[in-house]
Amino acid sequence: MRHPDENSTPASFSRDHIQTVGEVFVDNARIECRMVDVHYGEKHAIYNVSLDVGRNEVIALIGPSGCGKSTFLRCLNRMNDTIPGCRVTGEIKLDGQDIYAEGLDVVPLRAQVGMVFQKPNPFPKSIFENVAYGPRIHGLASNKAELEETVEKSLRRAGLWDEVKDYLHHPGTGLSGGQQQRLCIARTIAVNPEVILMDEPCSALDPIATAKIEQLIDDLREHYTIAIVTHSMQQAARVSQRTAYFHLGKLIEVGETAQIFTNPRHQLTEDYITGRFG
């Protein structure tokens, strides 16, 4: 049994004195974050985070509830812009371009950096129209044949084509939870993103559907850079090449996933991995 303050920070650590350990920079970075801070009004949610996300890698963001991992993830495609009073400072670059540059259009950015949410959220449209929506509004298909090809290719990459090819004009909301989540992934990749962000994509799914999503993540890594927030350390260990541990809004440790889970360098990371708090 854990002691009553199981979600608290060990007394020997305070936020002001935590130092990040591990290699936050990589040679083949697709996303580069430098000294990122996030405020919600007066609340300081993210403290001075610097972290790279490499090309064709899966990086898992882990940590206790409320530690800032989802807030940080939403910085990477400016989803925090939709939250009143949210302020992001520091620098975040995608392929060398500052995504917070003045005048930057967030619509193409959010096509480049797609997002899959915790709860499957298909549009109240047919399976076909769910996937075709993005290519249509972004002008990525010049005719019906190209659009149909894009839809099929996206559903194949999402591992869903064989299950739905005879039901493309049925409602996407009629699929099972796991199928809906794969439909949302197909919808995301239909607009040719460079990066896919996933915010606890399996938390609402059963173990069989979760296994399919995890296999899909591994397959998608060949084509995309993926950052995934997960509450499951087992899932992080299965799907990611690098893992970043967050605590109280700070990045505590980042490194190869095997190293983080077998030989963490920071006491806070070890305490979380071993279940002493979190």
C-alpha atoms as a PDB file:
ATOM      1  CA  MET A   1       0.000   0.000   0.000  1.00  0.00           C
ATOM      2  CA  ARG A   2       1.270   3.467  -0.871  1.00  0.00           C
ATOM      3  CA  HIS A   3       1.445   6.123   1.797  1.00  0.00           C
ATOM      4  CA  PRO A   4      -1.272   8.827   1.810  1.00  0.00           C
ATOM      5  CA  ASP A   5       0.696  11.400  -0.168  1.00  0.00           C
ATOM      6  CA  GLU A   6       1.288   9.025  -3.079  1.00  0.00           C
ATOM      7  CA  ASN A   7       0.835  11.780  -5.674  1.00  0.00           C
ATOM      8  CA  SER A   8       3.175  14.216  -3.992  1.00  0.00           C
ATOM      9  CA  THR A   9       6.779  14.966  -4.832  1.00  0.00           C
ATOM     10  CA  PRO A  10       9.345  13.330  -2.537  1.00  0.00           C
ATOM     11  CA  ALA A  11      10.421  15.795   0.125  1.00  0.00           C
ATOM     12  CA  SER A  12      14.015  15.872  -1.115  1.00  0.00           C
ATOM     13  CA  PHE A  13      12.953  17.526  -4.389  1.00  0.00           C
ATOM     14  CA  SER A  14      11.432  20.897  -5.158  1.00  0.00           C
ATOM     15  CA  ARG A  15      10.482  22.279  -8.548  1.00  0.00           C
ATOM     16  CA  ASP A  16      13.086  25.051  -8.375  1.00  0.00           C
ATOM     17  CA  HIS A  17      15.986  22.649  -7.924  1.00  0.00           C
ATOM     18  CA  ILE A  18      15.149  19.913 -10.436  1.00  0.00           C
ATOM     19  CA  GLN A  19      17.702  19.582 -13.230  1.00  0.00           C
ATOM     20  CA  THR A  20      16.926  17.769 -16.474  1.00  0.00           C
ATOM     21  CA  VAL A  21      19.119  14.768 -17.252  1.00  0.00           C
ATOM     22  CA  GLY A  22      19.590  12.902 -20.517  1.00  0.00           C
ATOM     23  CA  GLU A  23      20.074  13.883 -24.142  1.00  0.00           C
ATOM     24  CA  VAL A  24      17.360  16.417 -24.974  1.00  0.00           C
ATOM     25  CA  PHE A  25      18.891  17.161 -28.405  1.00  0.00           C
ATOM     26  CA  VAL A  26      19.161  14.757 -31.355  1.00  0.00           C
ATOM     27  CA  ASP A  27      21.065  15.035 -34.636  1.00  0.00           C
ATOM     28  CA  ASN A  28      18.081  14.315 -36.887  1.00  0.00           C
ATOM     29  CA  ALA A  29      15.504  16.535 -35.182  1.00  0.00           C
ATOM     30  CA  ARG A  30      12.213  17.204 -36.923  1.00  0.00           C
ATOM     31  CA  ILE A  31      10.903  19.290 -34.011  1.00  0.00           C
ATOM     32  CA  GLU A  32      13.192  21.453 -31.869  1.00  0.00           C
ATOM     33  CA  CYS A  33      11.855  22.963 -28.639  1.00  0.00           C
ATOM     34  CA  ARG A  34      13.937  25.477 -26.698  1.00  0.00           C
ATOM     35  CA  MET A  35      13.109  26.970 -23.294  1.00  0.00           C
ATOM     36  CA  VAL A  36       9.345  26.508 -23.676  1.00  0.00           C
ATOM     37  CA  ASP A  37       7.127  27.925 -20.927  1.00  0.00           C
ATOM     38  CA  VAL A  38       3.328  27.750 -20.802  1.00  0.00           C
ATOM     39  CA  HIS A  39       1.034  29.862 -18.635  1.00  0.00           C
ATOM     40  CA  TYR A  40      -2.724  29.544 -18.190  1.00  0.00           C
ATOM     41  CA  GLY A  41      -3.449  33.007 -16.855  1.00  0.00           C
ATOM     42  CA  GLU A  42      -1.453  33.167 -13.618  1.00  0.00           C
ATOM     43  CA  LYS A  43      -0.821  29.410 -13.528  1.00  0.00           C
ATOM     44  CA  HIS A  44       2.633  28.364 -14.702  1.00  0.00           C
ATOM     45  CA  ALA A  45       2.073  24.974 -16.335  1.00  0.00           C
ATOM     46  CA  ILE A  46       5.318  24.236 -18.238  1.00  0.00           C
ATOM     47  CA  TYR A  47       8.753  25.330 -17.036  1.00  0.00           C
ATOM     48  CA  ASN A  48      11.650  25.923 -19.419  1.00  0.00           C
ATOM     49  CA  VAL A  49      11.376  22.710 -21.452  1.00  0.00           C
ATOM     50  CA  SER A  50      13.931  22.001 -24.183  1.00  0.00           C
ATOM     51  CA  LEU A  51      13.449  18.806 -26.164  1.00  0.00           C
ATOM     52  CA  ASP A  52      13.971  17.512 -29.702  1.00  0.00           C
ATOM     53  CA  VAL A  53      11.766  15.005 -31.510  1.00  0.00           C
ATOM     54  CA  GLY A  54      13.691  13.024 -34.122  1.00  0.00           C
ATOM     55  CA  ARG A  55      12.624  12.011 -37.599  1.00  0.00           C
ATOM     56  CA  ASN A  56      10.828   8.671 -37.867  1.00  0.00           C
ATOM     57  CA  GLU A  57      10.914   8.072 -34.149  1.00  0.00           C
ATOM     58  CA  VAL A  58       8.221   7.521 -31.576  1.00  0.00           C
ATOM     59  CA  ILE A  59       8.824   9.524 -28.412  1.00  0.00           C
ATOM     60  CA  ALA A  60       6.627   8.794 -25.402  1.00  0.00           C
ATOM     61  CA  LEU A  61       5.776  11.512 -22.882  1.00  0.00           C
ATOM     62  CA  ILE A  62       5.036  10.028 -19.471  1.00  0.00           C
ATOM     63  CA  GLY A  63       4.452  11.280 -15.951  1.00  0.00           C
ATOM     64  CA  PRO A  64       1.806  11.649 -13.219  1.00  0.00           C
ATOM     65  CA  SER A  65      -1.584  13.193 -13.960  1.00  0.00           C
ATOM     66  CA  GLY A  66      -1.308  16.962 -14.200  1.00  0.00           C
ATOM     67  CA  CYS A  67       2.439  16.934 -14.847  1.00  0.00           C
ATOM     68  CA  GLY A  68       2.168  18.921 -18.101  1.00  0.00           C
ATOM     69  CA  LYS A  69       2.765  16.235 -20.709  1.00  0.00           C
ATOM     70  CA  SER A  70      -0.483  16.861 -22.620  1.00  0.00           C
ATOM     71  CA  THR A  71      -0.024  20.627 -22.323  1.00  0.00           C
ATOM     72  CA  PHE A  72       3.429  20.296 -23.853  1.00  0.00           C
ATOM     73  CA  LEU A  73       2.130  18.027 -26.620  1.00  0.00           C
ATOM     74  CA  ARG A  74      -0.481  20.624 -27.582  1.00  0.00           C
ATOM     75  CA  CYS A  75       2.255  23.229 -27.943  1.00  0.00           C
ATOM     76  CA  LEU A  76       3.635  21.300 -30.915  1.00  0.00           C
ATOM     77  CA  ASN A  77       0.721  22.179 -33.221  1.00  0.00           C
ATOM     78  CA  ARG A  78      -0.521  25.269 -31.376  1.00  0.00           C
ATOM     79  CA  MET A  79      -3.665  23.610 -30.064  1.00  0.00           C
ATOM     80  CA  ASN A  80      -3.148  25.638 -26.888  1.00  0.00           C
ATOM     81  CA  ASP A  81      -4.055  28.712 -28.952  1.00  0.00           C
ATOM     82  CA  THR A  82      -7.690  27.639 -28.589  1.00  0.00           C
ATOM     83  CA  ILE A  83      -7.561  27.950 -24.773  1.00  0.00           C
ATOM     84  CA  PRO A  84      -8.379  31.456 -23.451  1.00  0.00           C
ATOM     85  CA  GLY A  85      -5.566  32.965 -21.392  1.00  0.00           C
ATOM     86  CA  CYS A  86      -2.958  30.441 -22.507  1.00  0.00           C
ATOM     87  CA  ARG A  87       0.468  31.928 -23.270  1.00  0.00           C
ATOM     88  CA  VAL A  88       3.377  29.998 -24.791  1.00  0.00           C
ATOM     89  CA  THR A  89       6.902  31.422 -24.797  1.00  0.00           C
ATOM     90  CA  GLY A  90      10.208  30.029 -25.990  1.00  0.00           C
ATOM     91  CA  GLU A  91      10.918  28.593 -29.410  1.00  0.00           C
ATOM     92  CA  ILE A  92       9.459  25.593 -31.241  1.00  0.00           C
ATOM     93  CA  LYS A  93      10.662  24.822 -34.759  1.00  0.00           C
ATOM     94  CA  LEU A  94       9.341  22.301 -37.277  1.00  0.00           C
ATOM     95  CA  ASP A  95      11.969  21.497 -39.904  1.00  0.00           C
ATOM     96  CA  GLY A  96      13.714  24.732 -38.955  1.00  0.00           C
ATOM     97  CA  GLN A  97      10.631  26.980 -39.136  1.00  0.00           C
ATOM     98  CA  ASP A  98       9.408  28.761 -36.015  1.00  0.00           C
ATOM     99  CA  ILE A  99       5.795  27.621 -35.647  1.00  0.00           C
ATOM    100  CA  TYR A 100       5.034  30.568 -33.330  1.00  0.00           C
ATOM    101  CA  ALA A 101       6.319  33.141 -35.824  1.00  0.00           C
ATOM    102  CA  GLU A 102       4.089  36.187 -36.184  1.00  0.00           C
ATOM    103  CA  GLY A 103       1.616  35.793 -39.021  1.00  0.00           C
ATOM    104  CA  LEU A 104       2.064  32.034 -39.380  1.00  0.00           C
ATOM    105  CA  ASP A 105      -1.134  30.323 -40.577  1.00  0.00           C
ATOM    106  CA  VAL A 106      -2.048  27.584 -38.106  1.00  0.00           C
ATOM    107  CA  VAL A 107      -4.362  25.768 -40.569  1.00  0.00           C
ATOM    108  CA  PRO A 108      -1.558  24.284 -42.712  1.00  0.00           C
ATOM    109  CA  LEU A 109       0.507  23.796 -39.535  1.00  0.00           C
ATOM    110  CA  ARG A 110      -2.183  21.555 -38.073  1.00  0.00           C
ATOM    111  CA  ALA A 111      -2.214  19.583 -41.303  1.00  0.00           C
ATOM    112  CA  GLN A 112       1.568  19.145 -41.051  1.00  0.00           C
ATOM    113  CA  VAL A 113       1.325  18.247 -37.358  1.00  0.00           C
ATOM    114  CA  GLY A 114      -1.810  16.142 -37.018  1.00  0.00           C
ATOM    115  CA  MET A 115      -3.408  15.125 -33.738  1.00  0.00           C
ATOM    116  CA  VAL A 116      -5.222  12.050 -32.474  1.00  0.00           C
ATOM    117  CA  PHE A 117      -7.152  12.602 -29.264  1.00  0.00           C
ATOM    118  CA  GLN A 118      -7.885  10.510 -26.199  1.00  0.00           C
ATOM    119  CA  LYS A 119     -11.457   9.757 -27.195  1.00  0.00           C
ATOM    120  CA  PRO A 120     -12.207   8.773 -30.810  1.00  0.00           C
ATOM    121  CA  ASN A 121     -13.984  11.701 -32.459  1.00  0.00           C
ATOM    122  CA  PRO A 122     -15.127  10.769 -35.964  1.00  0.00           C
ATOM    123  CA  PHE A 123     -17.211  13.349 -37.782  1.00  0.00           C
ATOM    124  CA  PRO A 124     -20.959  12.594 -38.082  1.00  0.00           C
ATOM    125  CA  LYS A 125     -20.351  11.647 -41.694  1.00  0.00           C
ATOM    126  CA  SER A 126     -19.683   8.472 -43.658  1.00  0.00           C
ATOM    127  CA  ILE A 127     -16.410   6.585 -43.297  1.00  0.00           C
ATOM    128  CA  PHE A 128     -15.400   7.852 -46.745  1.00  0.00           C
ATOM    129  CA  GLU A 129     -16.260  11.478 -45.962  1.00  0.00           C
ATOM    130  CA  ASN A 130     -14.362  11.356 -42.648  1.00  0.00           C
ATOM    131  CA  VAL A 131     -11.147  10.590 -44.511  1.00  0.00           C
ATOM    132  CA  ALA A 132     -11.910  12.722 -47.584  1.00  0.00           C
ATOM    133  CA  TYR A 133     -12.699  15.868 -45.580  1.00  0.00           C
ATOM    134  CA  GLY A 134      -9.099  17.027 -45.053  1.00  0.00           C
ATOM    135  CA  PRO A 135      -7.851  16.435 -48.602  1.00  0.00           C
ATOM    136  CA  ARG A 136     -10.911  18.315 -49.893  1.00  0.00           C
ATOM    137  CA  ILE A 137     -10.480  21.450 -47.789  1.00  0.00           C
ATOM    138  CA  HIS A 138      -6.707  21.526 -48.357  1.00  0.00           C
ATOM    139  CA  GLY A 139      -7.045  20.970 -52.108  1.00  0.00           C
ATOM    140  CA  LEU A 140      -4.941  17.798 -52.097  1.00  0.00           C
ATOM    141  CA  ALA A 141      -7.064  15.912 -54.654  1.00  0.00           C
ATOM    142  CA  SER A 142      -7.831  17.378 -58.073  1.00  0.00           C
ATOM    143  CA  ASN A 143     -10.531  14.897 -59.045  1.00  0.00           C
ATOM    144  CA  LYS A 144     -12.746  12.113 -57.710  1.00  0.00           C
ATOM    145  CA  ALA A 145     -10.300   9.347 -58.654  1.00  0.00           C
ATOM    146  CA  GLU A 146      -7.454  11.009 -56.735  1.00  0.00           C
ATOM    147  CA  LEU A 147      -9.717  11.504 -53.719  1.00  0.00           C
ATOM    148  CA  GLU A 148     -10.776   7.857 -53.755  1.00  0.00           C
ATOM    149  CA  GLU A 149      -7.132   6.809 -54.020  1.00  0.00           C
ATOM    150  CA  THR A 150      -6.198   9.010 -51.054  1.00  0.00           C
ATOM    151  CA  VAL A 151      -9.035   7.603 -48.946  1.00  0.00           C
ATOM    152  CA  GLU A 152      -8.085   4.016 -49.724  1.00  0.00           C
ATOM    153  CA  LYS A 153      -4.377   4.628 -49.111  1.00  0.00           C
ATOM    154  CA  SER A 154      -5.083   6.331 -45.770  1.00  0.00           C
ATOM    155  CA  LEU A 155      -7.427   3.578 -44.608  1.00  0.00           C
ATOM    156  CA  ARG A 156      -4.863   0.962 -45.617  1.00  0.00           C
ATOM    157  CA  ARG A 157      -2.116   2.720 -43.666  1.00  0.00           C
ATOM    158  CA  ALA A 158      -4.435   2.898 -40.676  1.00  0.00           C
ATOM    159  CA  GLY A 159      -5.028  -0.857 -40.915  1.00  0.00           C
ATOM    160  CA  LEU A 160      -8.746  -0.366 -41.478  1.00  0.00           C
ATOM    161  CA  TRP A 161      -9.361  -0.831 -45.214  1.00  0.00           C
ATOM    162  CA  ASP A 162     -10.157  -4.543 -45.185  1.00  0.00           C
ATOM    163  CA  GLU A 163     -12.686  -4.040 -42.386  1.00  0.00           C
ATOM    164  CA  VAL A 164     -14.592  -1.132 -43.950  1.00  0.00           C
ATOM    165  CA  LYS A 165     -14.077  -1.283 -47.743  1.00  0.00           C
ATOM    166  CA  ASP A 166     -17.611  -2.585 -48.266  1.00  0.00           C
ATOM    167  CA  TYR A 167     -19.139  -0.015 -45.887  1.00  0.00           C
ATOM    168  CA  LEU A 168     -17.482   3.241 -46.943  1.00  0.00           C
ATOM    169  CA  HIS A 169     -20.763   5.124 -47.098  1.00  0.00           C
ATOM    170  CA  HIS A 170     -21.931   3.965 -43.671  1.00  0.00           C
ATOM    171  CA  PRO A 171     -21.569   6.351 -40.696  1.00  0.00           C
ATOM    172  CA  GLY A 172     -18.134   6.436 -39.094  1.00  0.00           C
ATOM    173  CA  THR A 173     -19.846   6.672 -35.717  1.00  0.00           C
ATOM    174  CA  GLY A 174     -21.221   3.158 -36.246  1.00  0.00           C
ATOM    175  CA  LEU A 175     -17.764   1.582 -35.952  1.00  0.00           C
ATOM    176  CA  SER A 176     -16.382   0.062 -32.749  1.00  0.00           C
ATOM    177  CA  GLY A 177     -14.250   2.251 -30.492  1.00  0.00           C
ATOM    178  CA  GLY A 178     -10.993   0.818 -31.784  1.00  0.00           C
ATOM    179  CA  GLN A 179     -12.117   1.140 -35.392  1.00  0.00           C
ATOM    180  CA  GLN A 180     -13.194   4.731 -34.763  1.00  0.00           C
ATOM    181  CA  GLN A 181      -9.747   5.551 -33.419  1.00  0.00           C
ATOM    182  CA  ARG A 182      -8.096   4.014 -36.482  1.00  0.00           C
ATOM    183  CA  LEU A 183     -10.524   6.008 -38.634  1.00  0.00           C
ATOM    184  CA  CYS A 184      -9.352   9.160 -36.855  1.00  0.00           C
ATOM    185  CA  ILE A 185      -5.754   8.148 -37.572  1.00  0.00           C
ATOM    186  CA  ALA A 186      -6.670   7.614 -41.249  1.00  0.00           C
ATOM    187  CA  ARG A 187      -8.282  11.060 -41.264  1.00  0.00           C
ATOM    188  CA  THR A 188      -5.107  12.543 -39.808  1.00  0.00           C
ATOM    189  CA  ILE A 189      -2.707  10.953 -42.296  1.00  0.00           C
ATOM    190  CA  ALA A 190      -4.936  11.726 -45.314  1.00  0.00           C
ATOM    191  CA  VAL A 191      -3.553  15.298 -45.402  1.00  0.00           C
ATOM    192  CA  ASN A 192       0.080  14.127 -45.602  1.00  0.00           C
ATOM    193  CA  PRO A 193       1.328  15.250 -42.182  1.00  0.00           C
ATOM    194  CA  GLU A 194       4.969  15.180 -41.179  1.00  0.00           C
ATOM    195  CA  VAL A 195       4.265  14.632 -37.480  1.00  0.00           C
ATOM    196  CA  ILE A 196       1.454  12.834 -35.640  1.00  0.00           C
ATOM    197  CA  LEU A 197       0.663  13.770 -32.045  1.00  0.00           C
ATOM    198  CA  MET A 198      -1.275  11.242 -29.974  1.00  0.00           C
ATOM    199  CA  ASP A 199      -2.799  12.189 -26.621  1.00  0.00           C
ATOM    200  CA  GLU A 200      -3.491   8.933 -24.750  1.00  0.00           C
ATOM    201  CA  PRO A 201      -5.015   7.370 -27.893  1.00  0.00           C
ATOM    202  CA  CYS A 202      -5.747   4.008 -26.260  1.00  0.00           C
ATOM    203  CA  SER A 203      -7.118   5.050 -22.879  1.00  0.00           C
ATOM    204  CA  ALA A 204     -10.734   4.471 -23.973  1.00  0.00           C
ATOM    205  CA  LEU A 205     -10.024   1.190 -25.790  1.00  0.00           C
ATOM    206  CA  ASP A 206     -10.057  -2.470 -24.790  1.00  0.00           C
ATOM    207  CA  PRO A 207      -6.819  -4.535 -24.830  1.00  0.00           C
ATOM    208  CA  ILE A 208      -7.423  -6.016 -28.300  1.00  0.00           C
ATOM    209  CA  ALA A 209      -8.069  -2.603 -29.875  1.00  0.00           C
ATOM    210  CA  THR A 210      -5.084  -1.193 -27.977  1.00  0.00           C
ATOM    211  CA  ALA A 211      -2.809  -3.879 -29.410  1.00  0.00           C
ATOM    212  CA  LYS A 212      -3.951  -2.977 -32.934  1.00  0.00           C
ATOM    213  CA  ILE A 213      -3.254   0.725 -32.357  1.00  0.00           C
ATOM    214  CA  GLU A 214       0.184  -0.071 -30.927  1.00  0.00           C
ATOM    215  CA  GLN A 215       1.037  -2.191 -33.974  1.00  0.00           C
ATOM    216  CA  LEU A 216      -0.200   0.636 -36.172  1.00  0.00           C
ATOM    217  CA  ILE A 217       2.046   3.140 -34.373  1.00  0.00           C
ATOM    218  CA  ASP A 218       5.020   0.906 -35.046  1.00  0.00           C
ATOM    219  CA  ASP A 219       4.076   0.659 -38.735  1.00  0.00           C
ATOM    220  CA  LEU A 220       3.486   4.419 -39.090  1.00  0.00           C
ATOM    221  CA  ARG A 221       6.944   5.264 -37.743  1.00  0.00           C
ATOM    222  CA  GLU A 222       8.378   4.354 -41.155  1.00  0.00           C
ATOM    223  CA  HIS A 223       6.610   7.396 -42.636  1.00  0.00           C
ATOM    224  CA  TYR A 224       6.012   9.797 -39.744  1.00  0.00           C
ATOM    225  CA  THR A 225       7.459  11.312 -36.597  1.00  0.00           C
ATOM    226  CA  ILE A 226       5.191  10.446 -33.644  1.00  0.00           C
ATOM    227  CA  ALA A 227       4.905  11.926 -30.157  1.00  0.00           C
ATOM    228  CA  ILE A 228       2.560  10.056 -27.830  1.00  0.00           C
ATOM    229  CA  VAL A 229       1.324  10.941 -24.371  1.00  0.00           C
ATOM    230  CA  THR A 230       0.469   7.800 -22.447  1.00  0.00           C
ATOM    231  CA  HIS A 231      -0.484   7.007 -18.877  1.00  0.00           C
ATOM    232  CA  SER A 232       0.680   3.425 -19.457  1.00  0.00           C
ATOM    233  CA  MET A 233       4.363   2.813 -18.866  1.00  0.00           C
ATOM    234  CA  GLN A 234       3.963  -0.610 -20.475  1.00  0.00           C
ATOM    235  CA  GLN A 235       2.662   1.051 -23.628  1.00  0.00           C
ATOM    236  CA  ALA A 236       5.519   3.560 -23.655  1.00  0.00           C
ATOM    237  CA  ALA A 237       7.975   0.671 -23.371  1.00  0.00           C
ATOM    238  CA  ARG A 238       6.326  -1.184 -26.259  1.00  0.00           C
ATOM    239  CA  VAL A 239       5.917   1.587 -28.830  1.00  0.00           C
ATOM    240  CA  SER A 240       8.627   4.225 -28.308  1.00  0.00           C
ATOM    241  CA  GLN A 241      12.321   4.552 -29.023  1.00  0.00           C
ATOM    242  CA  ARG A 242      12.796   7.460 -26.606  1.00  0.00           C
ATOM    243  CA  THR A 243      10.872   8.423 -23.487  1.00  0.00           C
ATOM    244  CA  ALA A 244      10.574  11.786 -21.737  1.00  0.00           C
ATOM    245  CA  TYR A 245       9.454  11.938 -18.098  1.00  0.00           C
ATOM    246  CA  PHE A 246       7.603  15.059 -16.912  1.00  0.00           C
ATOM    247  CA  HIS A 247       6.911  16.093 -13.318  1.00  0.00           C
ATOM    248  CA  LEU A 248       5.310  19.280 -11.968  1.00  0.00           C
ATOM    249  CA  GLY A 249       5.555  20.949 -15.356  1.00  0.00           C
ATOM    250  CA  LYS A 250       9.233  20.199 -15.829  1.00  0.00           C
ATOM    251  CA  LEU A 251      11.022  17.775 -18.107  1.00  0.00           C
ATOM    252  CA  ILE A 252      12.955  15.622 -15.659  1.00  0.00           C
ATOM    253  CA  GLU A 253      14.637  13.038 -17.845  1.00  0.00           C
ATOM    254  CA  VAL A 254      14.766  11.950 -21.459  1.00  0.00           C
ATOM    255  CA  GLY A 255      16.610   9.061 -23.030  1.00  0.00           C
ATOM    256  CA  GLU A 256      16.321   5.801 -24.887  1.00  0.00           C
ATOM    257  CA  THR A 257      13.234   3.997 -23.665  1.00  0.00           C
ATOM    258  CA  ALA A 258      15.102   0.909 -22.500  1.00  0.00           C
ATOM    259  CA  GLN A 259      17.455   3.053 -20.427  1.00  0.00           C
ATOM    260  CA  ILE A 260      14.631   5.091 -18.880  1.00  0.00           C
ATOM    261  CA  PHE A 261      12.810   1.963 -17.722  1.00  0.00           C
ATOM    262  CA  THR A 262      15.788  -0.125 -16.617  1.00  0.00           C
ATOM    263  CA  ASN A 263      18.383   2.400 -15.482  1.00  0.00           C
ATOM    264  CA  PRO A 264      16.899   5.883 -14.967  1.00  0.00           C
ATOM    265  CA  ARG A 265      19.385   8.599 -14.082  1.00  0.00           C
ATOM    266  CA  HIS A 266      17.096  10.749 -11.945  1.00  0.00           C
ATOM    267  CA  GLN A 267      15.635   9.691  -8.612  1.00  0.00           C
ATOM    268  CA  LEU A 268      12.240  11.181  -9.510  1.00  0.00           C
ATOM    269  CA  THR A 269      12.079   9.032 -12.637  1.00  0.00           C
ATOM    270  CA  GLU A 270      12.997   5.918 -10.699  1.00  0.00           C
ATOM    271  CA  ASP A 271      10.380   6.683  -8.045  1.00  0.00           C
ATOM    272  CA  TYR A 272       7.685   7.021 -10.711  1.00  0.00           C
ATOM    273  CA  ILE A 273       8.747   3.947 -12.679  1.00  0.00           C
ATOM    274  CA  THR A 274       8.804   1.811  -9.533  1.00  0.00           C
ATOM    275  CA  GLY A 275       5.411   3.078  -8.353  1.00  0.00           C
ATOM    276  CA  ARG A 276       6.516   5.052  -5.304  1.00  0.00           C
ATOM    277  CA  PHE A 277       4.315   7.917  -6.431  1.00  0.00           C
ATOM    278  CA  GLY A 278       2.184   8.924  -9.422  1.00  0.00           C
END
